[in-house]
Amino acid sequence: MSLRGRAGLLSMLVGSLSLVACGGGDGGGPDRAEQGVSLAEYVKRADRLCLAGRNRVRAELAPLQEAAAEDGRFTRAEAMQLNSEGAKLARPLLEEQEAIPKPDDKRSDVEDYLKANRDTIEALDRAVESFERGDVDEANAELQRNRQLAFEITRAAGAVGFKQCGSEFGKNAP
């Protein structure tokens, strides 16, 4: 695989993780979980989680990225290891964002955003599993699916009004 292809694998991972990287406490107690919030409050809380989570994921993946890129290139196996670790980190962060009470306004866009994030994590998991089985074509198909989901996440994030949540990779949508 060319360096450009390896960089593409990594950029799909890093771009996708920013969309689901939403860690940190939401400030609401369990009694608030049943109540909806205003759209402005939801966006504020979710954006705060996304920014903190993105920073946390990047910090945790940095040593892997540095070790893998010592020669200036990522092997496919190294890129898949980053995908695997990224998905593991992203899963609990997405759960934190899902725990924020949803606003009534733009609820379907919020649900679309969360679903596309869940689907992204699953696509990363399937890409790694396919690669481990030796099915490179299937792994590449799942990474392409991940790329398509990044565009959906960016669309939904924009519709909700997020400033920090969304896919950096998806912002390059055609």
N, C-alpha and C. Protein backbone atom coordinates (compact mmCIF):
# COMPACT_ATOMS: atom_id res chain seq x y z
N MET A 1 0.86 -1.18 0.00
CA MET A 1 0.00 0.00 0.00
C MET A 1 0.90 1.23 0.00
N SER A 2 0.54 2.22 -0.79
CA SER A 2 1.33 3.44 -0.88
C SER A 2 1.22 4.26 0.40
N LEU A 3 2.16 5.19 0.54
CA LEU A 3 2.12 6.08 1.68
C LEU A 3 0.81 6.86 1.68
N ARG A 4 0.39 7.31 0.51
CA ARG A 4 -0.86 8.05 0.42
C ARG A 4 -2.04 7.19 0.89
N GLY A 5 -2.04 5.92 0.50
CA GLY A 5 -3.09 5.01 0.95
C GLY A 5 -3.06 4.80 2.45
N ARG A 6 -1.85 4.68 2.99
CA ARG A 6 -1.72 4.52 4.44
C ARG A 6 -2.19 5.77 5.16
N ALA A 7 -1.83 6.91 4.62
CA ALA A 7 -2.28 8.16 5.23
C ALA A 7 -3.79 8.28 5.14
N GLY A 8 -4.36 7.78 4.06
CA GLY A 8 -5.81 7.79 3.92
C GLY A 8 -6.49 6.94 4.98
N LEU A 9 -5.93 5.77 5.24
CA LEU A 9 -6.49 4.93 6.30
C LEU A 9 -6.45 5.66 7.63
N LEU A 10 -5.33 6.30 7.91
CA LEU A 10 -5.20 7.00 9.17
C LEU A 10 -6.11 8.22 9.23
N SER A 11 -6.22 8.94 8.13
CA SER A 11 -7.07 10.14 8.16
C SER A 11 -8.52 9.75 8.35
N MET A 12 -8.94 8.60 7.79
CA MET A 12 -10.32 8.14 8.04
C MET A 12 -10.52 7.89 9.51
N LEU A 13 -9.53 7.27 10.13
CA LEU A 13 -9.64 7.00 11.56
C LEU A 13 -9.69 8.29 12.36
N VAL A 14 -8.70 9.13 12.19
CA VAL A 14 -8.63 10.34 13.01
C VAL A 14 -9.83 11.22 12.77
N GLY A 15 -10.23 11.38 11.52
CA GLY A 15 -11.41 12.19 11.22
C GLY A 15 -12.66 11.60 11.82
N SER A 16 -12.79 10.31 11.77
CA SER A 16 -13.97 9.67 12.31
C SER A 16 -14.02 9.74 13.81
N LEU A 17 -12.88 9.63 14.44
CA LEU A 17 -12.88 9.65 15.89
C LEU A 17 -13.30 10.99 16.44
N SER A 18 -12.98 12.05 15.73
CA SER A 18 -13.38 13.35 16.26
C SER A 18 -14.88 13.48 16.31
N LEU A 19 -15.56 12.76 15.45
CA LEU A 19 -17.00 12.84 15.46
C LEU A 19 -17.61 12.13 16.65
N VAL A 20 -16.99 11.10 17.13
CA VAL A 20 -17.56 10.39 18.26
C VAL A 20 -16.84 10.67 19.55
N ALA A 21 -15.82 11.46 19.51
CA ALA A 21 -15.05 11.74 20.70
C ALA A 21 -15.76 12.78 21.53
N CYS A 22 -16.58 12.32 22.43
CA CYS A 22 -17.36 13.26 23.23
C CYS A 22 -17.32 12.84 24.68
N GLY A 23 -16.21 13.02 25.32
CA GLY A 23 -16.06 12.56 26.69
C GLY A 23 -16.23 13.65 27.71
N GLY A 24 -16.25 13.26 28.97
CA GLY A 24 -16.40 14.20 30.07
C GLY A 24 -17.81 14.18 30.61
N GLY A 25 -18.01 14.67 31.79
CA GLY A 25 -19.33 14.68 32.40
C GLY A 25 -20.24 15.71 31.76
N ASP A 26 -21.55 15.45 31.75
CA ASP A 26 -22.47 16.39 31.12
C ASP A 26 -23.07 17.37 32.11
N GLY A 27 -22.80 17.20 33.39
CA GLY A 27 -23.28 18.15 34.38
C GLY A 27 -24.69 17.90 34.86
N GLY A 28 -25.40 16.97 34.27
CA GLY A 28 -26.76 16.68 34.70
C GLY A 28 -26.79 15.43 35.54
N GLY A 29 -27.58 15.42 36.57
CA GLY A 29 -27.71 14.24 37.41
C GLY A 29 -28.67 13.25 36.80
N PRO A 30 -28.82 12.08 37.41
CA PRO A 30 -29.71 11.06 36.86
C PRO A 30 -31.15 11.53 36.74
N ASP A 31 -31.59 12.43 37.64
CA ASP A 31 -32.98 12.89 37.57
C ASP A 31 -33.22 13.72 36.30
N ARG A 32 -32.18 14.32 35.72
CA ARG A 32 -32.33 15.11 34.50
C ARG A 32 -32.38 14.24 33.26
N ALA A 33 -31.94 12.98 33.37
CA ALA A 33 -31.85 12.11 32.20
C ALA A 33 -33.21 11.89 31.56
N GLU A 34 -34.28 11.96 32.32
CA GLU A 34 -35.62 11.73 31.80
C GLU A 34 -36.20 12.97 31.14
N GLN A 35 -35.68 14.14 31.46
CA GLN A 35 -36.23 15.38 30.96
C GLN A 35 -35.49 15.82 29.71
N GLY A 36 -36.22 16.43 28.77
CA GLY A 36 -35.59 17.02 27.61
C GLY A 36 -34.94 18.34 27.99
N VAL A 37 -34.10 18.86 27.13
CA VAL A 37 -33.47 20.15 27.35
C VAL A 37 -33.71 20.99 26.10
N SER A 38 -33.44 22.28 26.21
CA SER A 38 -33.56 23.13 25.03
C SER A 38 -32.46 22.74 24.04
N LEU A 39 -32.69 23.07 22.78
CA LEU A 39 -31.69 22.78 21.76
C LEU A 39 -30.37 23.49 22.08
N ALA A 40 -30.45 24.75 22.50
CA ALA A 40 -29.23 25.50 22.83
C ALA A 40 -28.45 24.83 23.95
N GLU A 41 -29.16 24.36 24.99
CA GLU A 41 -28.49 23.69 26.11
C GLU A 41 -27.89 22.35 25.65
N TYR A 42 -28.62 21.61 24.83
CA TYR A 42 -28.11 20.34 24.33
C TYR A 42 -26.82 20.55 23.52
N VAL A 43 -26.85 21.51 22.60
CA VAL A 43 -25.68 21.80 21.77
C VAL A 43 -24.49 22.21 22.64
N LYS A 44 -24.74 23.07 23.62
CA LYS A 44 -23.67 23.52 24.52
C LYS A 44 -23.04 22.33 25.25
N ARG A 45 -23.88 21.47 25.81
CA ARG A 45 -23.37 20.33 26.57
C ARG A 45 -22.66 19.33 25.66
N ALA A 46 -23.25 19.03 24.52
CA ALA A 46 -22.65 18.07 23.61
C ALA A 46 -21.33 18.60 23.04
N ASP A 47 -21.30 19.87 22.67
CA ASP A 47 -20.06 20.45 22.15
C ASP A 47 -18.95 20.41 23.20
N ARG A 48 -19.30 20.67 24.44
CA ARG A 48 -18.30 20.60 25.51
C ARG A 48 -17.75 19.17 25.63
N LEU A 49 -18.62 18.18 25.54
CA LEU A 49 -18.19 16.79 25.59
C LEU A 49 -17.32 16.44 24.38
N CYS A 50 -17.72 16.88 23.20
CA CYS A 50 -16.98 16.56 21.99
C CYS A 50 -15.57 17.13 22.02
N LEU A 51 -15.44 18.37 22.44
CA LEU A 51 -14.12 18.99 22.49
C LEU A 51 -13.22 18.26 23.48
N ALA A 52 -13.72 18.01 24.67
CA ALA A 52 -12.92 17.30 25.67
C ALA A 52 -12.58 15.89 25.21
N GLY A 53 -13.55 15.21 24.63
CA GLY A 53 -13.33 13.84 24.16
C GLY A 53 -12.35 13.77 23.01
N ARG A 54 -12.47 14.69 22.07
CA ARG A 54 -11.55 14.71 20.92
C ARG A 54 -10.11 14.91 21.43
N ASN A 55 -9.92 15.82 22.37
CA ASN A 55 -8.59 16.04 22.92
C ASN A 55 -8.07 14.81 23.65
N ARG A 56 -8.95 14.14 24.37
CA ARG A 56 -8.55 12.93 25.10
C ARG A 56 -8.17 11.81 24.14
N VAL A 57 -8.98 11.59 23.10
CA VAL A 57 -8.69 10.53 22.14
C VAL A 57 -7.38 10.82 21.42
N ARG A 58 -7.20 12.04 20.97
CA ARG A 58 -5.95 12.38 20.28
C ARG A 58 -4.74 12.15 21.18
N ALA A 59 -4.86 12.53 22.45
CA ALA A 59 -3.74 12.34 23.38
C ALA A 59 -3.44 10.86 23.59
N GLU A 60 -4.48 10.05 23.69
CA GLU A 60 -4.27 8.63 23.92
C GLU A 60 -3.75 7.91 22.69
N LEU A 61 -4.11 8.38 21.51
CA LEU A 61 -3.63 7.74 20.28
C LEU A 61 -2.27 8.26 19.84
N ALA A 62 -1.85 9.40 20.33
CA ALA A 62 -0.59 10.01 19.89
C ALA A 62 0.60 9.07 20.03
N PRO A 63 0.77 8.36 21.17
CA PRO A 63 1.92 7.45 21.26
C PRO A 63 1.89 6.34 20.20
N LEU A 64 0.71 5.82 19.91
CA LEU A 64 0.60 4.80 18.87
C LEU A 64 0.95 5.38 17.51
N GLN A 65 0.47 6.57 17.24
CA GLN A 65 0.76 7.21 15.96
C GLN A 65 2.25 7.48 15.81
N GLU A 66 2.88 7.96 16.87
CA GLU A 66 4.31 8.25 16.82
C GLU A 66 5.12 6.98 16.63
N ALA A 67 4.78 5.93 17.37
CA ALA A 67 5.51 4.68 17.25
C ALA A 67 5.33 4.07 15.86
N ALA A 68 4.12 4.14 15.33
CA ALA A 68 3.85 3.56 14.02
C ALA A 68 4.53 4.33 12.91
N ALA A 69 4.73 5.61 13.11
CA ALA A 69 5.25 6.46 12.04
C ALA A 69 6.74 6.76 12.18
N GLU A 70 7.47 5.95 12.93
CA GLU A 70 8.89 6.22 13.12
C GLU A 70 9.62 6.31 11.80
N ASP A 71 9.20 5.53 10.83
CA ASP A 71 9.87 5.57 9.53
C ASP A 71 9.14 6.51 8.56
N GLY A 72 8.17 7.25 9.08
CA GLY A 72 7.44 8.19 8.23
C GLY A 72 6.29 7.58 7.46
N ARG A 73 6.06 6.28 7.68
CA ARG A 73 4.98 5.59 6.95
C ARG A 73 4.23 4.68 7.91
N PHE A 74 2.97 4.47 7.61
CA PHE A 74 2.15 3.53 8.38
C PHE A 74 1.93 2.28 7.52
N THR A 75 2.13 1.14 8.13
CA THR A 75 1.74 -0.08 7.44
C THR A 75 0.23 -0.23 7.59
N ARG A 76 -0.34 -1.09 6.80
CA ARG A 76 -1.77 -1.35 6.92
C ARG A 76 -2.09 -1.90 8.31
N ALA A 77 -1.23 -2.76 8.83
CA ALA A 77 -1.45 -3.32 10.16
C ALA A 77 -1.43 -2.23 11.23
N GLU A 78 -0.50 -1.28 11.09
CA GLU A 78 -0.45 -0.18 12.06
C GLU A 78 -1.69 0.69 11.98
N ALA A 79 -2.15 0.96 10.77
CA ALA A 79 -3.37 1.75 10.61
C ALA A 79 -4.57 1.02 11.21
N MET A 80 -4.62 -0.29 11.03
CA MET A 80 -5.73 -1.06 11.60
C MET A 80 -5.65 -1.09 13.12
N GLN A 81 -4.45 -1.12 13.67
CA GLN A 81 -4.31 -1.06 15.12
C GLN A 81 -4.84 0.27 15.64
N LEU A 82 -4.54 1.35 14.94
CA LEU A 82 -5.08 2.65 15.32
C LEU A 82 -6.60 2.67 15.22
N ASN A 83 -7.15 2.06 14.16
CA ASN A 83 -8.60 1.96 14.04
C ASN A 83 -9.20 1.21 15.21
N SER A 84 -8.57 0.10 15.57
CA SER A 84 -9.08 -0.72 16.67
C SER A 84 -9.05 0.05 17.99
N GLU A 85 -7.93 0.67 18.29
CA GLU A 85 -7.83 1.44 19.53
C GLU A 85 -8.78 2.63 19.52
N GLY A 86 -8.89 3.28 18.38
CA GLY A 86 -9.78 4.42 18.26
C GLY A 86 -11.23 4.05 18.52
N ALA A 87 -11.66 2.92 17.96
CA ALA A 87 -13.04 2.47 18.19
C ALA A 87 -13.27 2.15 19.66
N LYS A 88 -12.28 1.54 20.31
CA LYS A 88 -12.41 1.22 21.74
C LYS A 88 -12.55 2.50 22.57
N LEU A 89 -11.79 3.52 22.21
CA LEU A 89 -11.87 4.79 22.94
C LEU A 89 -13.18 5.52 22.65
N ALA A 90 -13.65 5.44 21.43
CA ALA A 90 -14.82 6.21 21.02
C ALA A 90 -16.12 5.66 21.61
N ARG A 91 -16.21 4.36 21.77
CA ARG A 91 -17.46 3.75 22.23
C ARG A 91 -17.98 4.36 23.54
N PRO A 92 -17.18 4.38 24.62
CA PRO A 92 -17.70 4.96 25.87
C PRO A 92 -17.95 6.47 25.76
N LEU A 93 -17.20 7.14 24.91
CA LEU A 93 -17.41 8.57 24.75
C LEU A 93 -18.76 8.85 24.08
N LEU A 94 -19.10 8.04 23.10
CA LEU A 94 -20.41 8.18 22.46
C LEU A 94 -21.52 7.89 23.47
N GLU A 95 -21.32 6.89 24.30
CA GLU A 95 -22.33 6.57 25.32
C GLU A 95 -22.58 7.75 26.24
N GLU A 96 -21.52 8.50 26.56
CA GLU A 96 -21.69 9.69 27.39
C GLU A 96 -22.56 10.72 26.69
N GLN A 97 -22.31 10.91 25.39
CA GLN A 97 -23.12 11.88 24.67
C GLN A 97 -24.56 11.40 24.54
N GLU A 98 -24.76 10.12 24.34
CA GLU A 98 -26.12 9.59 24.23
C GLU A 98 -26.90 9.76 25.53
N ALA A 99 -26.19 9.89 26.65
CA ALA A 99 -26.85 10.05 27.95
C ALA A 99 -27.39 11.46 28.18
N ILE A 100 -26.96 12.42 27.38
CA ILE A 100 -27.48 13.78 27.54
C ILE A 100 -28.96 13.77 27.12
N PRO A 101 -29.84 14.34 27.92
CA PRO A 101 -31.25 14.42 27.51
C PRO A 101 -31.38 15.11 26.16
N LYS A 102 -32.21 14.57 25.29
CA LYS A 102 -32.36 15.09 23.92
C LYS A 102 -33.37 16.23 23.89
N PRO A 103 -33.12 17.21 23.05
CA PRO A 103 -34.08 18.31 22.90
C PRO A 103 -35.26 17.85 22.06
N ASP A 104 -36.39 18.47 22.23
CA ASP A 104 -37.52 18.17 21.36
C ASP A 104 -37.28 18.76 19.97
N ASP A 105 -36.69 19.96 19.93
CA ASP A 105 -36.38 20.61 18.67
C ASP A 105 -35.23 19.89 17.98
N LYS A 106 -35.40 19.55 16.74
CA LYS A 106 -34.38 18.88 15.92
C LYS A 106 -34.01 17.50 16.46
N ARG A 107 -34.92 16.87 17.15
CA ARG A 107 -34.65 15.54 17.72
C ARG A 107 -34.25 14.53 16.64
N SER A 108 -34.89 14.58 15.48
CA SER A 108 -34.54 13.60 14.44
C SER A 108 -33.12 13.84 13.93
N ASP A 109 -32.68 15.08 13.86
CA ASP A 109 -31.29 15.35 13.46
C ASP A 109 -30.32 14.86 14.53
N VAL A 110 -30.67 15.04 15.79
CA VAL A 110 -29.84 14.53 16.88
C VAL A 110 -29.73 13.01 16.79
N GLU A 111 -30.86 12.35 16.58
CA GLU A 111 -30.86 10.89 16.46
C GLU A 111 -30.05 10.43 15.25
N ASP A 112 -30.17 11.15 14.12
CA ASP A 112 -29.38 10.82 12.93
C ASP A 112 -27.89 10.93 13.24
N TYR A 113 -27.52 12.00 13.93
CA TYR A 113 -26.12 12.22 14.31
C TYR A 113 -25.60 11.07 15.18
N LEU A 114 -26.35 10.72 16.20
CA LEU A 114 -25.93 9.65 17.11
C LEU A 114 -25.88 8.30 16.40
N LYS A 115 -26.86 8.03 15.55
CA LYS A 115 -26.88 6.76 14.81
C LYS A 115 -25.68 6.65 13.88
N ALA A 116 -25.37 7.72 13.16
CA ALA A 116 -24.23 7.69 12.26
C ALA A 116 -22.93 7.47 13.04
N ASN A 117 -22.84 8.02 14.24
CA ASN A 117 -21.66 7.77 15.08
C ASN A 117 -21.58 6.31 15.51
N ARG A 118 -22.71 5.74 15.92
CA ARG A 118 -22.72 4.31 16.28
C ARG A 118 -22.31 3.47 15.08
N ASP A 119 -22.87 3.80 13.91
CA ASP A 119 -22.55 3.05 12.69
C ASP A 119 -21.07 3.17 12.33
N THR A 120 -20.47 4.32 12.60
CA THR A 120 -19.04 4.52 12.33
C THR A 120 -18.19 3.60 13.19
N ILE A 121 -18.51 3.52 14.46
CA ILE A 121 -17.75 2.63 15.35
C ILE A 121 -17.88 1.19 14.87
N GLU A 122 -19.09 0.80 14.49
CA GLU A 122 -19.30 -0.56 13.99
C GLU A 122 -18.53 -0.80 12.70
N ALA A 123 -18.47 0.19 11.80
CA ALA A 123 -17.72 0.05 10.56
C ALA A 123 -16.23 -0.10 10.85
N LEU A 124 -15.71 0.66 11.81
CA LEU A 124 -14.30 0.52 12.18
C LEU A 124 -14.04 -0.88 12.75
N ASP A 125 -14.94 -1.36 13.59
CA ASP A 125 -14.79 -2.72 14.15
C ASP A 125 -14.78 -3.76 13.03
N ARG A 126 -15.70 -3.62 12.08
CA ARG A 126 -15.77 -4.59 10.97
C ARG A 126 -14.53 -4.49 10.08
N ALA A 127 -14.01 -3.29 9.87
CA ALA A 127 -12.80 -3.13 9.06
C ALA A 127 -11.64 -3.87 9.70
N VAL A 128 -11.49 -3.71 11.00
CA VAL A 128 -10.39 -4.39 11.71
C VAL A 128 -10.59 -5.89 11.67
N GLU A 129 -11.81 -6.36 11.94
CA GLU A 129 -12.09 -7.80 11.90
C GLU A 129 -11.80 -8.38 10.52
N SER A 130 -12.21 -7.67 9.47
CA SER A 130 -11.97 -8.14 8.10
C SER A 130 -10.48 -8.21 7.82
N PHE A 131 -9.75 -7.19 8.22
CA PHE A 131 -8.31 -7.18 8.01
C PHE A 131 -7.66 -8.35 8.74
N GLU A 132 -8.07 -8.60 9.97
CA GLU A 132 -7.50 -9.70 10.75
C GLU A 132 -7.78 -11.05 10.12
N ARG A 133 -8.90 -11.17 9.40
CA ARG A 133 -9.24 -12.41 8.68
C ARG A 133 -8.51 -12.50 7.35
N GLY A 134 -7.83 -11.41 6.98
CA GLY A 134 -7.13 -11.40 5.70
C GLY A 134 -7.97 -10.92 4.54
N ASP A 135 -9.16 -10.42 4.82
CA ASP A 135 -10.05 -9.93 3.77
C ASP A 135 -9.85 -8.42 3.59
N VAL A 136 -8.81 -8.07 2.85
CA VAL A 136 -8.45 -6.68 2.66
C VAL A 136 -9.53 -5.92 1.90
N ASP A 137 -10.14 -6.58 0.91
CA ASP A 137 -11.20 -5.92 0.15
C ASP A 137 -12.36 -5.52 1.05
N GLU A 138 -12.76 -6.40 1.94
CA GLU A 138 -13.86 -6.09 2.86
C GLU A 138 -13.44 -4.99 3.85
N ALA A 139 -12.20 -5.05 4.31
CA ALA A 139 -11.70 -4.01 5.21
C ALA A 139 -11.76 -2.65 4.51
N ASN A 140 -11.32 -2.61 3.26
CA ASN A 140 -11.37 -1.35 2.51
C ASN A 140 -12.81 -0.89 2.29
N ALA A 141 -13.72 -1.82 2.05
CA ALA A 141 -15.14 -1.45 1.88
C ALA A 141 -15.70 -0.84 3.16
N GLU A 142 -15.33 -1.38 4.31
CA GLU A 142 -15.79 -0.84 5.58
C GLU A 142 -15.17 0.54 5.85
N LEU A 143 -13.92 0.72 5.45
CA LEU A 143 -13.32 2.04 5.60
C LEU A 143 -14.00 3.06 4.68
N GLN A 144 -14.40 2.60 3.49
CA GLN A 144 -15.15 3.49 2.59
C GLN A 144 -16.51 3.82 3.21
N ARG A 145 -17.15 2.84 3.81
CA ARG A 145 -18.43 3.07 4.51
C ARG A 145 -18.21 4.09 5.63
N ASN A 146 -17.11 3.96 6.34
CA ASN A 146 -16.77 4.90 7.40
C ASN A 146 -16.66 6.32 6.83
N ARG A 147 -16.07 6.44 5.66
CA ARG A 147 -15.92 7.75 5.03
C ARG A 147 -17.30 8.34 4.69
N GLN A 148 -18.17 7.52 4.15
CA GLN A 148 -19.52 7.98 3.83
C GLN A 148 -20.26 8.41 5.09
N LEU A 149 -20.09 7.68 6.16
CA LEU A 149 -20.72 8.04 7.43
C LEU A 149 -20.18 9.36 7.97
N ALA A 150 -18.91 9.66 7.70
CA ALA A 150 -18.35 10.94 8.14
C ALA A 150 -19.11 12.09 7.50
N PHE A 151 -19.50 11.93 6.26
CA PHE A 151 -20.28 12.97 5.59
C PHE A 151 -21.67 13.09 6.21
N GLU A 152 -22.27 11.96 6.55
CA GLU A 152 -23.59 11.97 7.19
C GLU A 152 -23.50 12.62 8.58
N ILE A 153 -22.47 12.31 9.31
CA ILE A 153 -22.28 12.91 10.63
C ILE A 153 -22.14 14.42 10.50
N THR A 154 -21.35 14.85 9.54
CA THR A 154 -21.15 16.28 9.34
C THR A 154 -22.46 16.97 8.96
N ARG A 155 -23.25 16.33 8.11
CA ARG A 155 -24.56 16.89 7.73
C ARG A 155 -25.45 17.03 8.95
N ALA A 156 -25.57 15.95 9.72
CA ALA A 156 -26.45 15.95 10.89
C ALA A 156 -25.94 16.93 11.95
N ALA A 157 -24.62 16.98 12.15
CA ALA A 157 -24.05 17.91 13.13
C ALA A 157 -24.37 19.35 12.75
N GLY A 158 -24.28 19.66 11.47
CA GLY A 158 -24.61 21.00 11.00
C GLY A 158 -26.08 21.31 11.19
N ALA A 159 -26.94 20.32 10.93
CA ALA A 159 -28.38 20.52 11.09
C ALA A 159 -28.74 20.77 12.56
N VAL A 160 -28.05 20.10 13.47
CA VAL A 160 -28.31 20.30 14.90
C VAL A 160 -27.78 21.67 15.34
N GLY A 161 -26.64 22.08 14.79
CA GLY A 161 -26.04 23.35 15.17
C GLY A 161 -24.79 23.21 16.01
N PHE A 162 -24.18 22.02 15.98
CA PHE A 162 -22.95 21.81 16.74
C PHE A 162 -21.83 22.68 16.19
N LYS A 163 -20.95 23.07 17.09
CA LYS A 163 -19.74 23.79 16.70
C LYS A 163 -18.50 22.90 16.86
N GLN A 164 -18.52 21.97 17.81
CA GLN A 164 -17.39 21.09 18.09
C GLN A 164 -17.63 19.65 17.65
N CYS A 165 -18.87 19.21 17.63
CA CYS A 165 -19.17 17.84 17.26
C CYS A 165 -19.29 17.75 15.75
N GLY A 166 -18.85 16.66 15.20
CA GLY A 166 -18.91 16.43 13.77
C GLY A 166 -17.60 15.83 13.32
N SER A 167 -17.53 15.50 12.06
CA SER A 167 -16.34 14.85 11.52
C SER A 167 -15.46 15.84 10.79
N GLU A 168 -14.21 15.93 11.19
CA GLU A 168 -13.27 16.77 10.46
C GLU A 168 -13.12 16.24 9.04
N PHE A 169 -13.08 14.92 8.92
CA PHE A 169 -12.95 14.29 7.61
C PHE A 169 -14.16 14.60 6.74
N GLY A 170 -15.35 14.57 7.35
CA GLY A 170 -16.59 14.81 6.61
C GLY A 170 -16.76 16.23 6.13
N LYS A 171 -16.01 17.16 6.71
CA LYS A 171 -16.13 18.55 6.27
C LYS A 171 -15.56 18.75 4.88
N ASN A 172 -14.87 17.74 4.36
CA ASN A 172 -14.35 17.79 3.01
C ASN A 172 -15.32 17.18 2.01
N ALA A 173 -16.58 17.10 2.41
CA ALA A 173 -17.60 16.49 1.55
C ALA A 173 -17.70 17.24 0.23
N PRO A 174 -17.97 16.49 -0.84
CA PRO A 174 -18.10 17.13 -2.15
C PRO A 174 -19.31 18.03 -2.22
